[in-house]
Amino acid sequence: MKDYIWKRVLDVGNHIFRTRNTVRETAQIYGVSKSTVHKDVTERLPRINPELAAKVKRVLDFNKAERHIRGGQATRQKYLER
């Protein structure tokens, strides 16, 4: 694995763990696609740092469980602003 990918994987993993951001938010911050972030944290990170990968997985699982609520809030806000 190239050094810049190794560094990005660790940076992305630490960022998600610290901020509890979603894959979409993290991808936007790092200027990469959602697919890249997802691959980084689900495939590459466990090989580099299994402990951090487990922590990130818990954050992603929480975000996934909560996404239907976030979507509803976004729609509500959209119609309130009209």
PDB file of N, CA and C in Angstrom:
ATOM      1  N   MET A   1       0.848  -1.172   0.000  1.00  0.00           N
ATOM      2  CA  MET A   1       0.000   0.000   0.000  1.00  0.00           C
ATOM      3  C   MET A   1       0.896   1.239   0.000  1.00  0.00           C
ATOM      4  N   LYS A   2       0.535   2.202  -0.816  1.00  0.00           N
ATOM      5  CA  LYS A   2       1.340   3.418  -0.921  1.00  0.00           C
ATOM      6  C   LYS A   2       1.213   4.255   0.345  1.00  0.00           C
ATOM      7  N   ASP A   3       2.257   5.026   0.612  1.00  0.00           N
ATOM      8  CA  ASP A   3       2.311   5.817   1.844  1.00  0.00           C
ATOM      9  C   ASP A   3       1.144   6.795   1.976  1.00  0.00           C
ATOM     10  N   TYR A   4       0.777   7.465   0.870  1.00  0.00           N
ATOM     11  CA  TYR A   4      -0.291   8.458   0.967  1.00  0.00           C
ATOM     12  C   TYR A   4      -1.637   7.791   1.259  1.00  0.00           C
ATOM     13  N   ILE A   5      -1.835   6.575   0.757  1.00  0.00           N
ATOM     14  CA  ILE A   5      -3.081   5.861   1.056  1.00  0.00           C
ATOM     15  C   ILE A   5      -3.082   5.437   2.517  1.00  0.00           C
ATOM     16  N   TRP A   6      -1.963   4.916   2.986  1.00  0.00           N
ATOM     17  CA  TRP A   6      -1.801   4.496   4.381  1.00  0.00           C
ATOM     18  C   TRP A   6      -2.144   5.674   5.312  1.00  0.00           C
ATOM     19  N   LYS A   7      -1.576   6.842   5.014  1.00  0.00           N
ATOM     20  CA  LYS A   7      -1.808   8.029   5.837  1.00  0.00           C
ATOM     21  C   LYS A   7      -3.280   8.448   5.782  1.00  0.00           C
ATOM     22  N   ARG A   8      -3.869   8.438   4.571  1.00  0.00           N
ATOM     23  CA  ARG A   8      -5.275   8.834   4.433  1.00  0.00           C
ATOM     24  C   ARG A   8      -6.183   7.900   5.215  1.00  0.00           C
ATOM     25  N   VAL A   9      -5.916   6.610   5.146  1.00  0.00           N
ATOM     26  CA  VAL A   9      -6.748   5.631   5.860  1.00  0.00           C
ATOM     27  C   VAL A   9      -6.735   5.925   7.352  1.00  0.00           C
ATOM     28  N   LEU A  10      -5.563   6.161   7.909  1.00  0.00           N
ATOM     29  CA  LEU A  10      -5.462   6.472   9.343  1.00  0.00           C
ATOM     30  C   LEU A  10      -6.112   7.811   9.671  1.00  0.00           C
ATOM     31  N   ASP A  11      -5.894   8.811   8.812  1.00  0.00           N
ATOM     32  CA  ASP A  11      -6.506  10.129   9.031  1.00  0.00           C
ATOM     33  C   ASP A  11      -8.035  10.039   9.002  1.00  0.00           C
ATOM     34  N   VAL A  12      -8.558   9.342   8.008  1.00  0.00           N
ATOM     35  CA  VAL A  12     -10.012   9.201   7.869  1.00  0.00           C
ATOM     36  C   VAL A  12     -10.588   8.440   9.062  1.00  0.00           C
ATOM     37  N   GLY A  13      -9.937   7.352   9.440  1.00  0.00           N
ATOM     38  CA  GLY A  13     -10.401   6.572  10.584  1.00  0.00           C
ATOM     39  C   GLY A  13     -10.416   7.381  11.866  1.00  0.00           C
ATOM     40  N   ASN A  14      -9.337   8.097  12.127  1.00  0.00           N
ATOM     41  CA  ASN A  14      -9.273   8.941  13.324  1.00  0.00           C
ATOM     42  C   ASN A  14     -10.312  10.052  13.274  1.00  0.00           C
ATOM     43  N   HIS A  15     -10.513  10.620  12.093  1.00  0.00           N
ATOM     44  CA  HIS A  15     -11.495  11.703  11.947  1.00  0.00           C
ATOM     45  C   HIS A  15     -12.906  11.202  12.262  1.00  0.00           C
ATOM     46  N   ILE A  16     -13.274  10.074  11.694  1.00  0.00           N
ATOM     47  CA  ILE A  16     -14.621   9.533  11.936  1.00  0.00           C
ATOM     48  C   ILE A  16     -14.794   9.209  13.415  1.00  0.00           C
ATOM     49  N   PHE A  17     -13.789   8.621  14.028  1.00  0.00           N
ATOM     50  CA  PHE A  17     -13.895   8.276  15.445  1.00  0.00           C
ATOM     51  C   PHE A  17     -14.017   9.520  16.322  1.00  0.00           C
ATOM     52  N   ARG A  18     -13.214  10.547  16.049  1.00  0.00           N
ATOM     53  CA  ARG A  18     -13.234  11.767  16.869  1.00  0.00           C
ATOM     54  C   ARG A  18     -14.506  12.580  16.690  1.00  0.00           C
ATOM     55  N   THR A  19     -14.944  12.752  15.443  1.00  0.00           N
ATOM     56  CA  THR A  19     -16.040  13.675  15.151  1.00  0.00           C
ATOM     57  C   THR A  19     -17.402  13.000  15.042  1.00  0.00           C
ATOM     58  N   ARG A  20     -17.411  11.667  14.890  1.00  0.00           N
ATOM     59  CA  ARG A  20     -18.650  10.913  14.682  1.00  0.00           C
ATOM     60  C   ARG A  20     -19.334  11.298  13.364  1.00  0.00           C
ATOM     61  N   ASN A  21     -18.550  11.812  12.407  1.00  0.00           N
ATOM     62  CA  ASN A  21     -19.097  12.194  11.106  1.00  0.00           C
ATOM     63  C   ASN A  21     -19.529  10.976  10.306  1.00  0.00           C
ATOM     64  N   THR A  22     -20.405  11.217   9.348  1.00  0.00           N
ATOM     65  CA  THR A  22     -20.838  10.162   8.444  1.00  0.00           C
ATOM     66  C   THR A  22     -19.792   9.975   7.351  1.00  0.00           C
ATOM     67  N   VAL A  23     -19.950   8.904   6.578  1.00  0.00           N
ATOM     68  CA  VAL A  23     -19.047   8.648   5.450  1.00  0.00           C
ATOM     69  C   VAL A  23     -19.153   9.798   4.453  1.00  0.00           C
ATOM     70  N   ARG A  24     -20.373  10.260   4.214  1.00  0.00           N
ATOM     71  CA  ARG A  24     -20.578  11.367   3.256  1.00  0.00           C
ATOM     72  C   ARG A  24     -19.874  12.642   3.712  1.00  0.00           C
ATOM     73  N   GLU A  25     -20.024  12.999   4.967  1.00  0.00           N
ATOM     74  CA  GLU A  25     -19.376  14.212   5.498  1.00  0.00           C
ATOM     75  C   GLU A  25     -17.856  14.082   5.431  1.00  0.00           C
ATOM     76  N   THR A  26     -17.358  12.922   5.789  1.00  0.00           N
ATOM     77  CA  THR A  26     -15.918  12.690   5.783  1.00  0.00           C
ATOM     78  C   THR A  26     -15.365  12.749   4.361  1.00  0.00           C
ATOM     79  N   ALA A  27     -16.070  12.175   3.417  1.00  0.00           N
ATOM     80  CA  ALA A  27     -15.629  12.196   2.023  1.00  0.00           C
ATOM     81  C   ALA A  27     -15.520  13.626   1.516  1.00  0.00           C
ATOM     82  N   GLN A  28     -16.474  14.444   1.890  1.00  0.00           N
ATOM     83  CA  GLN A  28     -16.457  15.838   1.459  1.00  0.00           C
ATOM     84  C   GLN A  28     -15.261  16.574   2.060  1.00  0.00           C
ATOM     85  N   ILE A  29     -14.963  16.329   3.312  1.00  0.00           N
ATOM     86  CA  ILE A  29     -13.839  16.989   3.981  1.00  0.00           C
ATOM     87  C   ILE A  29     -12.508  16.590   3.348  1.00  0.00           C
ATOM     88  N   TYR A  30     -12.350  15.302   3.040  1.00  0.00           N
ATOM     89  CA  TYR A  30     -11.082  14.810   2.501  1.00  0.00           C
ATOM     90  C   TYR A  30     -10.995  14.878   0.977  1.00  0.00           C
ATOM     91  N   GLY A  31     -12.061  15.277   0.324  1.00  0.00           N
ATOM     92  CA  GLY A  31     -12.040  15.436  -1.124  1.00  0.00           C
ATOM     93  C   GLY A  31     -11.928  14.123  -1.883  1.00  0.00           C
ATOM     94  N   VAL A  32     -12.515  13.082  -1.337  1.00  0.00           N
ATOM     95  CA  VAL A  32     -12.545  11.778  -2.007  1.00  0.00           C
ATOM     96  C   VAL A  32     -13.994  11.315  -2.072  1.00  0.00           C
ATOM     97  N   SER A  33     -14.229  10.215  -2.772  1.00  0.00           N
ATOM     98  CA  SER A  33     -15.602   9.720  -2.903  1.00  0.00           C
ATOM     99  C   SER A  33     -16.039   8.963  -1.656  1.00  0.00           C
ATOM    100  N   LYS A  34     -17.357   8.806  -1.531  1.00  0.00           N
ATOM    101  CA  LYS A  34     -17.901   8.010  -0.416  1.00  0.00           C
ATOM    102  C   LYS A  34     -17.396   6.582  -0.510  1.00  0.00           C
ATOM    103  N   SER A  35     -17.278   6.076  -1.725  1.00  0.00           N
ATOM    104  CA  SER A  35     -16.791   4.710  -1.925  1.00  0.00           C
ATOM    105  C   SER A  35     -15.368   4.545  -1.408  1.00  0.00           C
ATOM    106  N   THR A  36     -14.539   5.550  -1.639  1.00  0.00           N
ATOM    107  CA  THR A  36     -13.153   5.502  -1.171  1.00  0.00           C
ATOM    108  C   THR A  36     -13.108   5.494   0.349  1.00  0.00           C
ATOM    109  N   VAL A  37     -13.882   6.365   0.981  1.00  0.00           N
ATOM    110  CA  VAL A  37     -13.914   6.406   2.445  1.00  0.00           C
ATOM    111  C   VAL A  37     -14.405   5.072   2.987  1.00  0.00           C
ATOM    112  N   HIS A  38     -15.455   4.543   2.388  1.00  0.00           N
ATOM    113  CA  HIS A  38     -16.012   3.280   2.861  1.00  0.00           C
ATOM    114  C   HIS A  38     -14.980   2.154   2.723  1.00  0.00           C
ATOM    115  N   LYS A  39     -14.306   2.099   1.590  1.00  0.00           N
ATOM    116  CA  LYS A  39     -13.288   1.063   1.382  1.00  0.00           C
ATOM    117  C   LYS A  39     -12.134   1.248   2.363  1.00  0.00           C
ATOM    118  N   ASP A  40     -11.742   2.497   2.588  1.00  0.00           N
ATOM    119  CA  ASP A  40     -10.662   2.777   3.540  1.00  0.00           C
ATOM    120  C   ASP A  40     -10.982   2.229   4.927  1.00  0.00           C
ATOM    121  N   VAL A  41     -12.187   2.490   5.416  1.00  0.00           N
ATOM    122  CA  VAL A  41     -12.496   2.123   6.803  1.00  0.00           C
ATOM    123  C   VAL A  41     -12.984   0.693   6.966  1.00  0.00           C
ATOM    124  N   THR A  42     -13.484   0.057   5.901  1.00  0.00           N
ATOM    125  CA  THR A  42     -13.975  -1.307   6.050  1.00  0.00           C
ATOM    126  C   THR A  42     -12.978  -2.367   5.594  1.00  0.00           C
ATOM    127  N   GLU A  43     -12.115  -2.030   4.652  1.00  0.00           N
ATOM    128  CA  GLU A  43     -11.159  -3.019   4.138  1.00  0.00           C
ATOM    129  C   GLU A  43      -9.717  -2.711   4.540  1.00  0.00           C
ATOM    130  N   ARG A  44      -9.289  -1.478   4.360  1.00  0.00           N
ATOM    131  CA  ARG A  44      -7.884  -1.145   4.592  1.00  0.00           C
ATOM    132  C   ARG A  44      -7.567  -0.921   6.067  1.00  0.00           C
ATOM    133  N   LEU A  45      -8.424  -0.205   6.767  1.00  0.00           N
ATOM    134  CA  LEU A  45      -8.155   0.117   8.172  1.00  0.00           C
ATOM    135  C   LEU A  45      -8.017  -1.119   9.058  1.00  0.00           C
ATOM    136  N   PRO A  46      -8.854  -2.145   8.904  1.00  0.00           N
ATOM    137  CA  PRO A  46      -8.671  -3.338   9.758  1.00  0.00           C
ATOM    138  C   PRO A  46      -7.302  -3.998   9.607  1.00  0.00           C
ATOM    139  N   ARG A  47      -6.700  -3.889   8.417  1.00  0.00           N
ATOM    140  CA  ARG A  47      -5.365  -4.461   8.214  1.00  0.00           C
ATOM    141  C   ARG A  47      -4.275  -3.601   8.842  1.00  0.00           C
ATOM    142  N   ILE A  48      -4.521  -2.293   8.914  1.00  0.00           N
ATOM    143  CA  ILE A  48      -3.520  -1.370   9.443  1.00  0.00           C
ATOM    144  C   ILE A  48      -3.639  -1.232  10.958  1.00  0.00           C
ATOM    145  N   ASN A  49      -4.872  -1.010  11.434  1.00  0.00           N
ATOM    146  CA  ASN A  49      -5.096  -0.756  12.857  1.00  0.00           C
ATOM    147  C   ASN A  49      -6.443  -1.363  13.269  1.00  0.00           C
ATOM    148  N   PRO A  50      -6.460  -2.632  13.639  1.00  0.00           N
ATOM    149  CA  PRO A  50      -7.729  -3.300  13.972  1.00  0.00           C
ATOM    150  C   PRO A  50      -8.491  -2.651  15.126  1.00  0.00           C
ATOM    151  N   GLU A  51      -7.779  -2.116  16.097  1.00  0.00           N
ATOM    152  CA  GLU A  51      -8.436  -1.477  17.239  1.00  0.00           C
ATOM    153  C   GLU A  51      -9.215  -0.237  16.802  1.00  0.00           C
ATOM    154  N   LEU A  52      -8.574   0.612  16.004  1.00  0.00           N
ATOM    155  CA  LEU A  52      -9.247   1.809  15.491  1.00  0.00           C
ATOM    156  C   LEU A  52     -10.394   1.405  14.567  1.00  0.00           C
ATOM    157  N   ALA A  53     -10.199   0.367  13.778  1.00  0.00           N
ATOM    158  CA  ALA A  53     -11.243  -0.096  12.865  1.00  0.00           C
ATOM    159  C   ALA A  53     -12.496  -0.505  13.633  1.00  0.00           C
ATOM    160  N   ALA A  54     -12.320  -1.155  14.768  1.00  0.00           N
ATOM    161  CA  ALA A  54     -13.472  -1.568  15.581  1.00  0.00           C
ATOM    162  C   ALA A  54     -14.211  -0.345  16.125  1.00  0.00           C
ATOM    163  N   LYS A  55     -13.470   0.661  16.543  1.00  0.00           N
ATOM    164  CA  LYS A  55     -14.103   1.891  17.048  1.00  0.00           C
ATOM    165  C   LYS A  55     -14.871   2.606  15.940  1.00  0.00           C
ATOM    166  N   VAL A  56     -14.258   2.682  14.760  1.00  0.00           N
ATOM    167  CA  VAL A  56     -14.908   3.338  13.617  1.00  0.00           C
ATOM    168  C   VAL A  56     -16.155   2.559  13.208  1.00  0.00           C
ATOM    169  N   LYS A  57     -16.091   1.245  13.251  1.00  0.00           N
ATOM    170  CA  LYS A  57     -17.249   0.421  12.896  1.00  0.00           C
ATOM    171  C   LYS A  57     -18.428   0.719  13.817  1.00  0.00           C
ATOM    172  N   ARG A  58     -18.162   0.914  15.094  1.00  0.00           N
ATOM    173  CA  ARG A  58     -19.245   1.255  16.031  1.00  0.00           C
ATOM    174  C   ARG A  58     -19.879   2.596  15.659  1.00  0.00           C
ATOM    175  N   VAL A  59     -19.056   3.573  15.285  1.00  0.00           N
ATOM    176  CA  VAL A  59     -19.581   4.882  14.868  1.00  0.00           C
ATOM    177  C   VAL A  59     -20.429   4.723  13.608  1.00  0.00           C
ATOM    178  N   LEU A  60     -19.916   3.987  12.621  1.00  0.00           N
ATOM    179  CA  LEU A  60     -20.654   3.802  11.373  1.00  0.00           C
ATOM    180  C   LEU A  60     -21.958   3.036  11.591  1.00  0.00           C
ATOM    181  N   ASP A  61     -21.922   2.053  12.466  1.00  0.00           N
ATOM    182  CA  ASP A  61     -23.152   1.309  12.783  1.00  0.00           C
ATOM    183  C   ASP A  61     -24.188   2.220  13.434  1.00  0.00           C
ATOM    184  N   PHE A  62     -23.735   3.098  14.318  1.00  0.00           N
ATOM    185  CA  PHE A  62     -24.637   4.055  14.959  1.00  0.00           C
ATOM    186  C   PHE A  62     -25.222   4.998  13.912  1.00  0.00           C
ATOM    187  N   ASN A  63     -24.367   5.522  13.031  1.00  0.00           N
ATOM    188  CA  ASN A  63     -24.837   6.432  11.982  1.00  0.00           C
ATOM    189  C   ASN A  63     -25.847   5.741  11.077  1.00  0.00           C
ATOM    190  N   LYS A  64     -25.589   4.475  10.764  1.00  0.00           N
ATOM    191  CA  LYS A  64     -26.504   3.730   9.905  1.00  0.00           C
ATOM    192  C   LYS A  64     -27.854   3.529  10.590  1.00  0.00           C
ATOM    193  N   ALA A  65     -27.825   3.236  11.872  1.00  0.00           N
ATOM    194  CA  ALA A  65     -29.068   3.034  12.615  1.00  0.00           C
ATOM    195  C   ALA A  65     -29.866   4.324  12.740  1.00  0.00           C
ATOM    196  N   GLU A  66     -29.192   5.442  12.693  1.00  0.00           N
ATOM    197  CA  GLU A  66     -29.836   6.736  12.894  1.00  0.00           C
ATOM    198  C   GLU A  66     -30.186   7.435  11.580  1.00  0.00           C
ATOM    199  N   ARG A  67     -29.801   6.903  10.453  1.00  0.00           N
ATOM    200  CA  ARG A  67     -29.936   7.641   9.191  1.00  0.00           C
ATOM    201  C   ARG A  67     -31.378   7.948   8.823  1.00  0.00           C
ATOM    202  N   HIS A  68     -32.319   7.085   9.176  1.00  0.00           N
ATOM    203  CA  HIS A  68     -33.719   7.370   8.836  1.00  0.00           C
ATOM    204  C   HIS A  68     -34.222   8.585   9.609  1.00  0.00           C
ATOM    205  N   ILE A  69     -33.690   8.804  10.781  1.00  0.00           N
ATOM    206  CA  ILE A  69     -34.071   9.979  11.578  1.00  0.00           C
ATOM    207  C   ILE A  69     -33.487  11.241  10.945  1.00  0.00           C
ATOM    208  N   ARG A  70     -32.222  11.163  10.550  1.00  0.00           N
ATOM    209  CA  ARG A  70     -31.568  12.320   9.919  1.00  0.00           C
ATOM    210  C   ARG A  70     -32.272  12.720   8.635  1.00  0.00           C
ATOM    211  N   GLY A  71     -32.675  11.725   7.850  1.00  0.00           N
ATOM    212  CA  GLY A  71     -33.383  12.013   6.610  1.00  0.00           C
ATOM    213  C   GLY A  71     -34.699  12.710   6.873  1.00  0.00           C
ATOM    214  N   GLY A  72     -35.414  12.270   7.882  1.00  0.00           N
ATOM    215  CA  GLY A  72     -36.680  12.904   8.239  1.00  0.00           C
ATOM    216  C   GLY A  72     -36.492  14.336   8.716  1.00  0.00           C
ATOM    217  N   GLN A  73     -35.443  14.569   9.462  1.00  0.00           N
ATOM    218  CA  GLN A  73     -35.159  15.922   9.947  1.00  0.00           C
ATOM    219  C   GLN A  73     -34.800  16.845   8.788  1.00  0.00           C
ATOM    220  N   ALA A  74     -34.039  16.338   7.832  1.00  0.00           N
ATOM    221  CA  ALA A  74     -33.650  17.147   6.676  1.00  0.00           C
ATOM    222  C   ALA A  74     -34.873  17.527   5.848  1.00  0.00           C
ATOM    223  N   THR A  75     -35.789  16.581   5.670  1.00  0.00           N
ATOM    224  CA  THR A  75     -37.002  16.864   4.905  1.00  0.00           C
ATOM    225  C   THR A  75     -37.868  17.871   5.640  1.00  0.00           C
ATOM    226  N   ARG A  76     -37.999  17.708   6.939  1.00  0.00           N
ATOM    227  CA  ARG A  76     -38.785  18.648   7.751  1.00  0.00           C
ATOM    228  C   ARG A  76     -38.210  20.057   7.634  1.00  0.00           C
ATOM    229  N   GLN A  77     -36.892  20.161   7.754  1.00  0.00           N
ATOM    230  CA  GLN A  77     -36.220  21.467   7.684  1.00  0.00           C
ATOM    231  C   GLN A  77     -36.432  22.092   6.307  1.00  0.00           C
ATOM    232  N   LYS A  78     -36.377  21.275   5.274  1.00  0.00           N
ATOM    233  CA  LYS A  78     -36.555  21.756   3.899  1.00  0.00           C
ATOM    234  C   LYS A  78     -37.905  22.434   3.739  1.00  0.00           C
ATOM    235  N   TYR A  79     -38.952  21.814   4.278  1.00  0.00           N
ATOM    236  CA  TYR A  79     -40.290  22.370   4.118  1.00  0.00           C
ATOM    237  C   TYR A  79     -40.570  23.516   5.085  1.00  0.00           C
ATOM    238  N   LEU A  80     -39.869  23.570   6.194  1.00  0.00           N
ATOM    239  CA  LEU A  80     -40.024  24.697   7.112  1.00  0.00           C
ATOM    240  C   LEU A  80     -39.419  25.970   6.542  1.00  0.00           C
ATOM    241  N   GLU A  81     -38.386  25.820   5.729  1.00  0.00           N
ATOM    242  CA  GLU A  81     -37.676  26.978   5.170  1.00  0.00           C
ATOM    243  C   GLU A  81     -38.394  27.576   3.986  1.00  0.00           C
ATOM    244  N   ARG A  82     -39.422  26.935   3.487  1.00  0.00           N
ATOM    245  CA  ARG A  82     -40.137  27.463   2.313  1.00  0.00           C
ATOM    246  C   ARG A  82     -41.056  28.586   2.661  1.00  0.00           C
TER     247      ARG A  82
END
